[in-house]
Every structure is written in C-alpha cells, then in structure tokens.
Amino acid sequence: MARPRRVISLEERRELLLRRGDLANLTALPNWVVFCTVVEEEVERIKRSMMARMMGQGMTLEQQAFERGRIVGLRAARSVPEHAQRAELTESSPKEEEVSSRE
C-alpha cells in the first residue's frame, strides 16, 4: 500500500529548495571533479583489496557486506549533489512562486 504524501509548509518547502540549491552548487565548484575522481579511486582500491583477500585467505559474508556498504556509501555521498536538482517535491506542496514571494 502506498504511503500517503506528506504536506509540507511554505517554510519547510523554502528551506528544502535552498538546501537543494546549495547541494547542487557543489557540483559547480572547481574541485568537484577532483572529489569525484578520488571517490572512484577509493572504490577501485576497495574492489582490488576485496579481490585479493577473496583469492587469498577469503572473506566472510559480513566482511564482504561491509566493503560493499563502503562502496555504496561513497557513491551515495558523491551522488547527492548531482541529484539535488532532480529531487521531486510532493504534489501537495505550495507552488514555487508562492514560496519565493513570501519572505
């Protein structure tokens, strides 16, 4: 069963829009590409380490899950600013014009 949509106030919507804008602006920073490169390098390092450990002494399922979780977490942290502008607000929220005109 679908969860009912939450109605947010004008103030909550305004704060959400400002936060999403701030997050999206991170991708425009000159060092954003460096950050993304470092994240992917770390992901590759984790994968190589896992492969070596699996081929050698082996890894428990818990260790594998931990390392996979690290990879997912790194990629998730990188994707938040990239997806900030695409996030949808609820249909029951006030219109954007109402939010921007009310300060």
PDB file of N, CA and C in Angstrom:
ATOM      1  N   MET A   1       0.840  -1.170   0.000  1.00  0.00           N
ATOM      2  CA  MET A   1       0.000   0.000   0.000  1.00  0.00           C
ATOM      3  C   MET A   1       0.891   1.241   0.000  1.00  0.00           C
ATOM      4  N   ALA A   2       0.543   2.212  -0.817  1.00  0.00           N
ATOM      5  CA  ALA A   2       1.344   3.428  -0.934  1.00  0.00           C
ATOM      6  C   ALA A   2       1.208   4.278   0.320  1.00  0.00           C
ATOM      7  N   ARG A   3       2.319   4.887   0.670  1.00  0.00           N
ATOM      8  CA  ARG A   3       2.342   5.774   1.822  1.00  0.00           C
ATOM      9  C   ARG A   3       1.712   7.105   1.439  1.00  0.00           C
ATOM     10  N   PRO A   4       0.860   7.678   2.294  1.00  0.00           N
ATOM     11  CA  PRO A   4       0.256   8.969   1.957  1.00  0.00           C
ATOM     12  C   PRO A   4       1.335  10.057   1.899  1.00  0.00           C
ATOM     13  N   ARG A   5       1.175  10.968   0.954  1.00  0.00           N
ATOM     14  CA  ARG A   5       2.145  12.051   0.802  1.00  0.00           C
ATOM     15  C   ARG A   5       2.000  13.045   1.936  1.00  0.00           C
ATOM     16  N   ARG A   6       3.137  13.530   2.396  1.00  0.00           N
ATOM     17  CA  ARG A   6       3.162  14.485   3.492  1.00  0.00           C
ATOM     18  C   ARG A   6       3.059  15.889   2.919  1.00  0.00           C
ATOM     19  N   VAL A   7       2.205  16.689   3.477  1.00  0.00           N
ATOM     20  CA  VAL A   7       2.069  18.082   3.070  1.00  0.00           C
ATOM     21  C   VAL A   7       3.090  18.881   3.863  1.00  0.00           C
ATOM     22  N   ILE A   8       3.899  19.677   3.132  1.00  0.00           N
ATOM     23  CA  ILE A   8       4.894  20.486   3.836  1.00  0.00           C
ATOM     24  C   ILE A   8       4.475  21.945   3.810  1.00  0.00           C
ATOM     25  N   SER A   9       4.916  22.667   4.815  1.00  0.00           N
ATOM     26  CA  SER A   9       4.560  24.083   4.916  1.00  0.00           C
ATOM     27  C   SER A   9       5.407  24.903   3.944  1.00  0.00           C
ATOM     28  N   LEU A  10       5.021  26.147   3.776  1.00  0.00           N
ATOM     29  CA  LEU A  10       5.782  27.054   2.919  1.00  0.00           C
ATOM     30  C   LEU A  10       7.215  27.211   3.424  1.00  0.00           C
ATOM     31  N   GLU A  11       7.369  27.328   4.733  1.00  0.00           N
ATOM     32  CA  GLU A  11       8.707  27.495   5.308  1.00  0.00           C
ATOM     33  C   GLU A  11       9.563  26.245   5.080  1.00  0.00           C
ATOM     34  N   GLU A  12       8.976  25.061   5.274  1.00  0.00           N
ATOM     35  CA  GLU A  12       9.714  23.820   5.034  1.00  0.00           C
ATOM     36  C   GLU A  12      10.111  23.696   3.572  1.00  0.00           C
ATOM     37  N   ARG A  13       9.196  24.067   2.687  1.00  0.00           N
ATOM     38  CA  ARG A  13       9.491  23.999   1.254  1.00  0.00           C
ATOM     39  C   ARG A  13      10.602  24.972   0.886  1.00  0.00           C
ATOM     40  N   ARG A  14      10.549  26.173   1.427  1.00  0.00           N
ATOM     41  CA  ARG A  14      11.581  27.168   1.154  1.00  0.00           C
ATOM     42  C   ARG A  14      12.945  26.650   1.616  1.00  0.00           C
ATOM     43  N   GLU A  15      12.996  26.106   2.836  1.00  0.00           N
ATOM     44  CA  GLU A  15      14.256  25.556   3.358  1.00  0.00           C
ATOM     45  C   GLU A  15      14.759  24.412   2.486  1.00  0.00           C
ATOM     46  N   LEU A  16      13.855  23.567   2.028  1.00  0.00           N
ATOM     47  CA  LEU A  16      14.224  22.451   1.171  1.00  0.00           C
ATOM     48  C   LEU A  16      14.796  22.944  -0.154  1.00  0.00           C
ATOM     49  N   LEU A  17      14.141  23.947  -0.744  1.00  0.00           N
ATOM     50  CA  LEU A  17      14.627  24.496  -2.009  1.00  0.00           C
ATOM     51  C   LEU A  17      16.007  25.134  -1.847  1.00  0.00           C
ATOM     52  N   LEU A  18      16.212  25.856  -0.748  1.00  0.00           N
ATOM     53  CA  LEU A  18      17.521  26.474  -0.501  1.00  0.00           C
ATOM     54  C   LEU A  18      18.597  25.415  -0.306  1.00  0.00           C
ATOM     55  N   ARG A  19      18.264  24.383   0.453  1.00  0.00           N
ATOM     56  CA  ARG A  19      19.239  23.310   0.700  1.00  0.00           C
ATOM     57  C   ARG A  19      19.583  22.582  -0.592  1.00  0.00           C
ATOM     58  N   ARG A  20      18.570  22.275  -1.398  1.00  0.00           N
ATOM     59  CA  ARG A  20      18.827  21.605  -2.673  1.00  0.00           C
ATOM     60  C   ARG A  20      19.692  22.469  -3.569  1.00  0.00           C
ATOM     61  N   GLY A  21      19.450  23.777  -3.570  1.00  0.00           N
ATOM     62  CA  GLY A  21      20.269  24.682  -4.360  1.00  0.00           C
ATOM     63  C   GLY A  21      21.709  24.685  -3.887  1.00  0.00           C
ATOM     64  N   ASP A  22      21.907  24.719  -2.567  1.00  0.00           N
ATOM     65  CA  ASP A  22      23.264  24.683  -2.018  1.00  0.00           C
ATOM     66  C   ASP A  22      23.979  23.392  -2.397  1.00  0.00           C
ATOM     67  N   LEU A  23      23.263  22.272  -2.309  1.00  0.00           N
ATOM     68  CA  LEU A  23      23.868  20.990  -2.675  1.00  0.00           C
ATOM     69  C   LEU A  23      24.216  20.944  -4.160  1.00  0.00           C
ATOM     70  N   ALA A  24      23.318  21.431  -4.987  1.00  0.00           N
ATOM     71  CA  ALA A  24      23.563  21.418  -6.430  1.00  0.00           C
ATOM     72  C   ALA A  24      24.748  22.314  -6.790  1.00  0.00           C
ATOM     73  N   ASN A  25      24.947  23.396  -6.042  1.00  0.00           N
ATOM     74  CA  ASN A  25      26.064  24.297  -6.313  1.00  0.00           C
ATOM     75  C   ASN A  25      27.420  23.640  -6.059  1.00  0.00           C
ATOM     76  N   LEU A  26      27.445  22.602  -5.251  1.00  0.00           N
ATOM     77  CA  LEU A  26      28.715  21.901  -5.006  1.00  0.00           C
ATOM     78  C   LEU A  26      29.314  21.352  -6.295  1.00  0.00           C
ATOM     79  N   THR A  27      28.466  20.923  -7.217  1.00  0.00           N
ATOM     80  CA  THR A  27      28.972  20.345  -8.465  1.00  0.00           C
ATOM     81  C   THR A  27      29.613  21.394  -9.360  1.00  0.00           C
ATOM     82  N   ALA A  28      29.359  22.671  -9.111  1.00  0.00           N
ATOM     83  CA  ALA A  28      29.947  23.738  -9.918  1.00  0.00           C
ATOM     84  C   ALA A  28      31.316  24.178  -9.393  1.00  0.00           C
ATOM     85  N   LEU A  29      31.701  23.711  -8.221  1.00  0.00           N
ATOM     86  CA  LEU A  29      32.997  24.088  -7.661  1.00  0.00           C
ATOM     87  C   LEU A  29      34.132  23.499  -8.489  1.00  0.00           C
ATOM     88  N   PRO A  30      35.251  24.212  -8.591  1.00  0.00           N
ATOM     89  CA  PRO A  30      36.366  23.726  -9.404  1.00  0.00           C
ATOM     90  C   PRO A  30      36.920  22.371  -8.945  1.00  0.00           C
ATOM     91  N   ASN A  31      36.853  22.085  -7.668  1.00  0.00           N
ATOM     92  CA  ASN A  31      37.420  20.835  -7.147  1.00  0.00           C
ATOM     93  C   ASN A  31      36.442  19.678  -7.139  1.00  0.00           C
ATOM     94  N   TRP A  32      35.239  19.872  -7.666  1.00  0.00           N
ATOM     95  CA  TRP A  32      34.246  18.798  -7.684  1.00  0.00           C
ATOM     96  C   TRP A  32      34.762  17.596  -8.465  1.00  0.00           C
ATOM     97  N   VAL A  33      35.392  17.843  -9.600  1.00  0.00           N
ATOM     98  CA  VAL A  33      35.917  16.756 -10.431  1.00  0.00           C
ATOM     99  C   VAL A  33      36.994  15.990  -9.658  1.00  0.00           C
ATOM    100  N   VAL A  34      37.810  16.699  -8.908  1.00  0.00           N
ATOM    101  CA  VAL A  34      38.851  16.048  -8.096  1.00  0.00           C
ATOM    102  C   VAL A  34      38.199  15.149  -7.054  1.00  0.00           C
ATOM    103  N   PHE A  35      37.168  15.657  -6.390  1.00  0.00           N
ATOM    104  CA  PHE A  35      36.462  14.868  -5.388  1.00  0.00           C
ATOM    105  C   PHE A  35      35.898  13.587  -5.997  1.00  0.00           C
ATOM    106  N   CYS A  36      35.231  13.715  -7.156  1.00  0.00           N
ATOM    107  CA  CYS A  36      34.646  12.549  -7.817  1.00  0.00           C
ATOM    108  C   CYS A  36      35.727  11.540  -8.208  1.00  0.00           C
ATOM    109  N   THR A  37      36.858  12.032  -8.676  1.00  0.00           N
ATOM    110  CA  THR A  37      37.963  11.157  -9.049  1.00  0.00           C
ATOM    111  C   THR A  37      38.497  10.405  -7.833  1.00  0.00           C
ATOM    112  N   VAL A  38      38.664  11.106  -6.730  1.00  0.00           N
ATOM    113  CA  VAL A  38      39.166  10.467  -5.505  1.00  0.00           C
ATOM    114  C   VAL A  38      38.185   9.407  -5.013  1.00  0.00           C
ATOM    115  N   VAL A  39      36.891   9.688  -5.090  1.00  0.00           N
ATOM    116  CA  VAL A  39      35.882   8.709  -4.666  1.00  0.00           C
ATOM    117  C   VAL A  39      35.989   7.450  -5.528  1.00  0.00           C
ATOM    118  N   GLU A  40      36.071   7.618  -6.849  1.00  0.00           N
ATOM    119  CA  GLU A  40      36.160   6.446  -7.728  1.00  0.00           C
ATOM    120  C   GLU A  40      37.480   5.690  -7.534  1.00  0.00           C
ATOM    121  N   GLU A  41      38.574   6.405  -7.264  1.00  0.00           N
ATOM    122  CA  GLU A  41      39.848   5.739  -6.975  1.00  0.00           C
ATOM    123  C   GLU A  41      39.733   4.896  -5.708  1.00  0.00           C
ATOM    124  N   GLU A  42      39.064   5.432  -4.696  1.00  0.00           N
ATOM    125  CA  GLU A  42      38.876   4.679  -3.444  1.00  0.00           C
ATOM    126  C   GLU A  42      38.005   3.453  -3.682  1.00  0.00           C
ATOM    127  N   VAL A  43      36.965   3.594  -4.502  1.00  0.00           N
ATOM    128  CA  VAL A  43      36.105   2.456  -4.836  1.00  0.00           C
ATOM    129  C   VAL A  43      36.931   1.368  -5.519  1.00  0.00           C
ATOM    130  N   GLU A  44      37.754   1.758  -6.467  1.00  0.00           N
ATOM    131  CA  GLU A  44      38.600   0.776  -7.158  1.00  0.00           C
ATOM    132  C   GLU A  44      39.599   0.133  -6.209  1.00  0.00           C
ATOM    133  N   ARG A  45      40.151   0.917  -5.271  1.00  0.00           N
ATOM    134  CA  ARG A  45      41.088   0.362  -4.286  1.00  0.00           C
ATOM    135  C   ARG A  45      40.389  -0.674  -3.409  1.00  0.00           C
ATOM    136  N   ILE A  46      39.170  -0.378  -2.992  1.00  0.00           N
ATOM    137  CA  ILE A  46      38.395  -1.313  -2.172  1.00  0.00           C
ATOM    138  C   ILE A  46      38.138  -2.600  -2.956  1.00  0.00           C
ATOM    139  N   LYS A  47      37.757  -2.472  -4.225  1.00  0.00           N
ATOM    140  CA  LYS A  47      37.488  -3.654  -5.047  1.00  0.00           C
ATOM    141  C   LYS A  47      38.735  -4.521  -5.213  1.00  0.00           C
ATOM    142  N   ARG A  48      39.884  -3.869  -5.478  1.00  0.00           N
ATOM    143  CA  ARG A  48      41.134  -4.638  -5.619  1.00  0.00           C
ATOM    144  C   ARG A  48      41.496  -5.343  -4.323  1.00  0.00           C
ATOM    145  N   SER A  49      41.319  -4.645  -3.211  1.00  0.00           N
ATOM    146  CA  SER A  49      41.618  -5.229  -1.906  1.00  0.00           C
ATOM    147  C   SER A  49      40.698  -6.422  -1.632  1.00  0.00           C
ATOM    148  N   MET A  50      39.427  -6.270  -1.949  1.00  0.00           N
ATOM    149  CA  MET A  50      38.478  -7.367  -1.744  1.00  0.00           C
ATOM    150  C   MET A  50      38.850  -8.574  -2.598  1.00  0.00           C
ATOM    151  N   MET A  51      39.195  -8.320  -3.849  1.00  0.00           N
ATOM    152  CA  MET A  51      39.546  -9.414  -4.760  1.00  0.00           C
ATOM    153  C   MET A  51      40.774 -10.158  -4.237  1.00  0.00           C
ATOM    154  N   ALA A  52      41.775  -9.420  -3.799  1.00  0.00           N
ATOM    155  CA  ALA A  52      42.983 -10.049  -3.274  1.00  0.00           C
ATOM    156  C   ALA A  52      42.670 -10.867  -2.025  1.00  0.00           C
ATOM    157  N   ARG A  53      41.864 -10.323  -1.138  1.00  0.00           N
ATOM    158  CA  ARG A  53      41.523 -11.051   0.089  1.00  0.00           C
ATOM    159  C   ARG A  53      40.681 -12.284  -0.208  1.00  0.00           C
ATOM    160  N   MET A  54      39.775 -12.188  -1.185  1.00  0.00           N
ATOM    161  CA  MET A  54      38.934 -13.340  -1.532  1.00  0.00           C
ATOM    162  C   MET A  54      39.770 -14.447  -2.177  1.00  0.00           C
ATOM    163  N   MET A  55      40.724 -14.058  -2.992  1.00  0.00           N
ATOM    164  CA  MET A  55      41.575 -15.055  -3.647  1.00  0.00           C
ATOM    165  C   MET A  55      42.582 -15.646  -2.670  1.00  0.00           C
ATOM    166  N   GLY A  56      42.937 -14.898  -1.622  1.00  0.00           N
ATOM    167  CA  GLY A  56      43.892 -15.351  -0.627  1.00  0.00           C
ATOM    168  C   GLY A  56      43.210 -16.076   0.512  1.00  0.00           C
ATOM    169  N   GLN A  57      43.168 -15.418   1.659  1.00  0.00           N
ATOM    170  CA  GLN A  57      42.621 -16.044   2.866  1.00  0.00           C
ATOM    171  C   GLN A  57      41.105 -16.130   2.874  1.00  0.00           C
ATOM    172  N   GLY A  58      40.446 -15.410   1.992  1.00  0.00           N
ATOM    173  CA  GLY A  58      38.986 -15.429   1.948  1.00  0.00           C
ATOM    174  C   GLY A  58      38.393 -14.331   2.809  1.00  0.00           C
ATOM    175  N   MET A  59      37.127 -14.086   2.603  1.00  0.00           N
ATOM    176  CA  MET A  59      36.403 -13.066   3.372  1.00  0.00           C
ATOM    177  C   MET A  59      35.067 -13.651   3.818  1.00  0.00           C
ATOM    178  N   THR A  60      34.685 -13.300   5.025  1.00  0.00           N
ATOM    179  CA  THR A  60      33.368 -13.732   5.493  1.00  0.00           C
ATOM    180  C   THR A  60      32.301 -12.915   4.771  1.00  0.00           C
ATOM    181  N   LEU A  61      31.084 -13.387   4.820  1.00  0.00           N
ATOM    182  CA  LEU A  61      29.976 -12.644   4.214  1.00  0.00           C
ATOM    183  C   LEU A  61      29.820 -11.269   4.868  1.00  0.00           C
ATOM    184  N   GLU A  62      30.067 -11.195   6.173  1.00  0.00           N
ATOM    185  CA  GLU A  62      29.963  -9.921   6.877  1.00  0.00           C
ATOM    186  C   GLU A  62      31.013  -8.943   6.382  1.00  0.00           C
ATOM    187  N   GLN A  63      32.248  -9.421   6.165  1.00  0.00           N
ATOM    188  CA  GLN A  63      33.313  -8.556   5.651  1.00  0.00           C
ATOM    189  C   GLN A  63      32.977  -8.073   4.234  1.00  0.00           C
ATOM    190  N   GLN A  64      32.450  -8.979   3.419  1.00  0.00           N
ATOM    191  CA  GLN A  64      32.063  -8.595   2.062  1.00  0.00           C
ATOM    192  C   GLN A  64      30.959  -7.542   2.087  1.00  0.00           C
ATOM    193  N   ALA A  65      29.978  -7.749   2.950  1.00  0.00           N
ATOM    194  CA  ALA A  65      28.868  -6.796   3.060  1.00  0.00           C
ATOM    195  C   ALA A  65      29.373  -5.438   3.538  1.00  0.00           C
ATOM    196  N   PHE A  66      30.321  -5.443   4.470  1.00  0.00           N
ATOM    197  CA  PHE A  66      30.889  -4.188   4.971  1.00  0.00           C
ATOM    198  C   PHE A  66      31.571  -3.419   3.848  1.00  0.00           C
ATOM    199  N   GLU A  67      32.396  -4.106   3.078  1.00  0.00           N
ATOM    200  CA  GLU A  67      33.123  -3.450   1.982  1.00  0.00           C
ATOM    201  C   GLU A  67      32.163  -2.969   0.891  1.00  0.00           C
ATOM    202  N   ARG A  68      31.156  -3.772   0.577  1.00  0.00           N
ATOM    203  CA  ARG A  68      30.156  -3.330  -0.410  1.00  0.00           C
ATOM    204  C   ARG A  68      29.407  -2.106   0.106  1.00  0.00           C
ATOM    205  N   GLY A  69      29.139  -2.090   1.394  1.00  0.00           N
ATOM    206  CA  GLY A  69      28.476  -0.933   2.004  1.00  0.00           C
ATOM    207  C   GLY A  69      29.331   0.320   1.918  1.00  0.00           C
ATOM    208  N   ARG A  70      30.643   0.171   2.073  1.00  0.00           N
ATOM    209  CA  ARG A  70      31.542   1.318   1.916  1.00  0.00           C
ATOM    210  C   ARG A  70      31.463   1.875   0.500  1.00  0.00           C
ATOM    211  N   ILE A  71      31.440   0.978  -0.481  1.00  0.00           N
ATOM    212  CA  ILE A  71      31.357   1.409  -1.882  1.00  0.00           C
ATOM    213  C   ILE A  71      30.046   2.136  -2.131  1.00  0.00           C
ATOM    214  N   VAL A  72      28.961   1.556  -1.674  1.00  0.00           N
ATOM    215  CA  VAL A  72      27.642   2.178  -1.858  1.00  0.00           C
ATOM    216  C   VAL A  72      27.604   3.539  -1.169  1.00  0.00           C
ATOM    217  N   GLY A  73      28.152   3.625   0.035  1.00  0.00           N
ATOM    218  CA  GLY A  73      28.165   4.879   0.781  1.00  0.00           C
ATOM    219  C   GLY A  73      28.970   5.965   0.094  1.00  0.00           C
ATOM    220  N   LEU A  74      30.130   5.606  -0.418  1.00  0.00           N
ATOM    221  CA  LEU A  74      30.956   6.590  -1.135  1.00  0.00           C
ATOM    222  C   LEU A  74      30.236   7.115  -2.365  1.00  0.00           C
ATOM    223  N   ARG A  75      29.664   6.220  -3.120  1.00  0.00           N
ATOM    224  CA  ARG A  75      28.949   6.640  -4.335  1.00  0.00           C
ATOM    225  C   ARG A  75      27.692   7.440  -3.996  1.00  0.00           C
ATOM    226  N   ALA A  76      27.036   7.082  -2.906  1.00  0.00           N
ATOM    227  CA  ALA A  76      25.840   7.825  -2.496  1.00  0.00           C
ATOM    228  C   ALA A  76      26.209   9.247  -2.095  1.00  0.00           C
ATOM    229  N   ALA A  77      27.301   9.400  -1.354  1.00  0.00           N
ATOM    230  CA  ALA A  77      27.734  10.735  -0.940  1.00  0.00           C
ATOM    231  C   ALA A  77      28.069  11.591  -2.156  1.00  0.00           C
ATOM    232  N   ARG A  78      28.669  10.979  -3.150  1.00  0.00           N
ATOM    233  CA  ARG A  78      29.012  11.710  -4.367  1.00  0.00           C
ATOM    234  C   ARG A  78      27.758  12.083  -5.162  1.00  0.00           C
ATOM    235  N   SER A  79      26.741  11.244  -5.131  1.00  0.00           N
ATOM    236  CA  SER A  79      25.568  11.470  -5.980  1.00  0.00           C
ATOM    237  C   SER A  79      24.568  12.476  -5.410  1.00  0.00           C
ATOM    238  N   VAL A  80      24.628  12.753  -4.118  1.00  0.00           N
ATOM    239  CA  VAL A  80      23.642  13.665  -3.518  1.00  0.00           C
ATOM    240  C   VAL A  80      23.629  15.021  -4.213  1.00  0.00           C
ATOM    241  N   PRO A  81      24.771  15.703  -4.359  1.00  0.00           N
ATOM    242  CA  PRO A  81      24.726  16.997  -5.054  1.00  0.00           C
ATOM    243  C   PRO A  81      24.321  16.868  -6.523  1.00  0.00           C
ATOM    244  N   GLU A  82      24.728  15.777  -7.180  1.00  0.00           N
ATOM    245  CA  GLU A  82      24.395  15.589  -8.585  1.00  0.00           C
ATOM    246  C   GLU A  82      22.891  15.438  -8.796  1.00  0.00           C
ATOM    247  N   HIS A  83      22.210  14.874  -7.827  1.00  0.00           N
ATOM    248  CA  HIS A  83      20.775  14.620  -7.959  1.00  0.00           C
ATOM    249  C   HIS A  83      19.915  15.638  -7.209  1.00  0.00           C
ATOM    250  N   ALA A  84      20.539  16.622  -6.580  1.00  0.00           N
ATOM    251  CA  ALA A  84      19.779  17.572  -5.753  1.00  0.00           C
ATOM    252  C   ALA A  84      18.736  18.327  -6.560  1.00  0.00           C
ATOM    253  N   GLN A  85      19.061  18.725  -7.767  1.00  0.00           N
ATOM    254  CA  GLN A  85      18.111  19.487  -8.556  1.00  0.00           C
ATOM    255  C   GLN A  85      16.998  18.623  -9.117  1.00  0.00           C
ATOM    256  N   ARG A  86      17.217  17.322  -9.204  1.00  0.00           N
ATOM    257  CA  ARG A  86      16.198  16.436  -9.773  1.00  0.00           C
ATOM    258  C   ARG A  86      15.185  15.951  -8.758  1.00  0.00           C
ATOM    259  N   ALA A  87      15.450  16.199  -7.478  1.00  0.00           N
ATOM    260  CA  ALA A  87      14.551  15.698  -6.435  1.00  0.00           C
ATOM    261  C   ALA A  87      13.170  16.316  -6.584  1.00  0.00           C
ATOM    262  N   GLU A  88      12.169  15.508  -6.435  1.00  0.00           N
ATOM    263  CA  GLU A  88      10.793  15.968  -6.580  1.00  0.00           C
ATOM    264  C   GLU A  88      10.228  16.343  -5.218  1.00  0.00           C
ATOM    265  N   LEU A  89       9.438  17.398  -5.203  1.00  0.00           N
ATOM    266  CA  LEU A  89       8.693  17.740  -4.002  1.00  0.00           C
ATOM    267  C   LEU A  89       7.304  17.138  -4.130  1.00  0.00           C
ATOM    268  N   THR A  90       6.611  17.083  -3.046  1.00  0.00           N
ATOM    269  CA  THR A  90       5.279  16.486  -3.106  1.00  0.00           C
ATOM    270  C   THR A  90       4.335  17.374  -3.913  1.00  0.00           C
ATOM    271  N   GLU A  91       3.383  16.745  -4.565  1.00  0.00           N
ATOM    272  CA  GLU A  91       2.420  17.498  -5.355  1.00  0.00           C
ATOM    273  C   GLU A  91       1.542  18.378  -4.486  1.00  0.00           C
ATOM    274  N   SER A  92       1.423  18.023  -3.230  1.00  0.00           N
ATOM    275  CA  SER A  92       0.557  18.803  -2.350  1.00  0.00           C
ATOM    276  C   SER A  92       1.287  20.003  -1.757  1.00  0.00           C
ATOM    277  N   SER A  93       2.540  20.201  -2.137  1.00  0.00           N
ATOM    278  CA  SER A  93       3.289  21.351  -1.649  1.00  0.00           C
ATOM    279  C   SER A  93       2.829  22.617  -2.348  1.00  0.00           C
ATOM    280  N   PRO A  94       3.065  23.763  -1.722  1.00  0.00           N
ATOM    281  CA  PRO A  94       2.709  25.018  -2.372  1.00  0.00           C
ATOM    282  C   PRO A  94       3.552  25.235  -3.626  1.00  0.00           C
ATOM    283  N   LYS A  95       3.072  26.064  -4.500  1.00  0.00           N
ATOM    284  CA  LYS A  95       3.780  26.364  -5.737  1.00  0.00           C
ATOM    285  C   LYS A  95       5.068  27.134  -5.432  1.00  0.00           C
ATOM    286  N   GLU A  96       6.061  27.018  -6.320  1.00  0.00           N
ATOM    287  CA  GLU A  96       7.346  27.669  -6.122  1.00  0.00           C
ATOM    288  C   GLU A  96       7.202  29.192  -6.061  1.00  0.00           C
ATOM    289  N   GLU A  97       6.277  29.746  -6.868  1.00  0.00           N
ATOM    290  CA  GLU A  97       6.081  31.196  -6.859  1.00  0.00           C
ATOM    291  C   GLU A  97       5.602  31.672  -5.492  1.00  0.00           C
ATOM    292  N   GLU A  98       4.784  30.871  -4.838  1.00  0.00           N
ATOM    293  CA  GLU A  98       4.276  31.239  -3.510  1.00  0.00           C
ATOM    294  C   GLU A  98       5.412  31.288  -2.496  1.00  0.00           C
ATOM    295  N   VAL A  99       6.361  30.375  -2.644  1.00  0.00           N
ATOM    296  CA  VAL A  99       7.463  30.300  -1.701  1.00  0.00           C
ATOM    297  C   VAL A  99       8.404  31.478  -1.891  1.00  0.00           C
ATOM    298  N   SER A 100       8.780  31.758  -3.130  1.00  0.00           N
ATOM    299  CA  SER A 100       9.755  32.806  -3.391  1.00  0.00           C
ATOM    300  C   SER A 100       9.196  34.207  -3.101  1.00  0.00           C
ATOM    301  N   SER A 101       7.903  34.385  -3.206  1.00  0.00           N
ATOM    302  CA  SER A 101       7.318  35.713  -2.977  1.00  0.00           C
ATOM    303  C   SER A 101       7.056  35.987  -1.514  1.00  0.00           C
ATOM    304  N   ARG A 102       7.241  35.018  -0.678  1.00  0.00           N
ATOM    305  CA  ARG A 102       6.888  35.157   0.734  1.00  0.00           C
ATOM    306  C   ARG A 102       8.135  35.184   1.593  1.00  0.00           C
ATOM    307  N   GLU A 103       8.723  36.331   1.814  1.00  0.00           N
ATOM    308  CA  GLU A 103       9.931  36.413   2.643  1.00  0.00           C
ATOM    309  C   GLU A 103       9.752  37.356   3.774  1.00  0.00           C
TER     310      GLU A 103
END
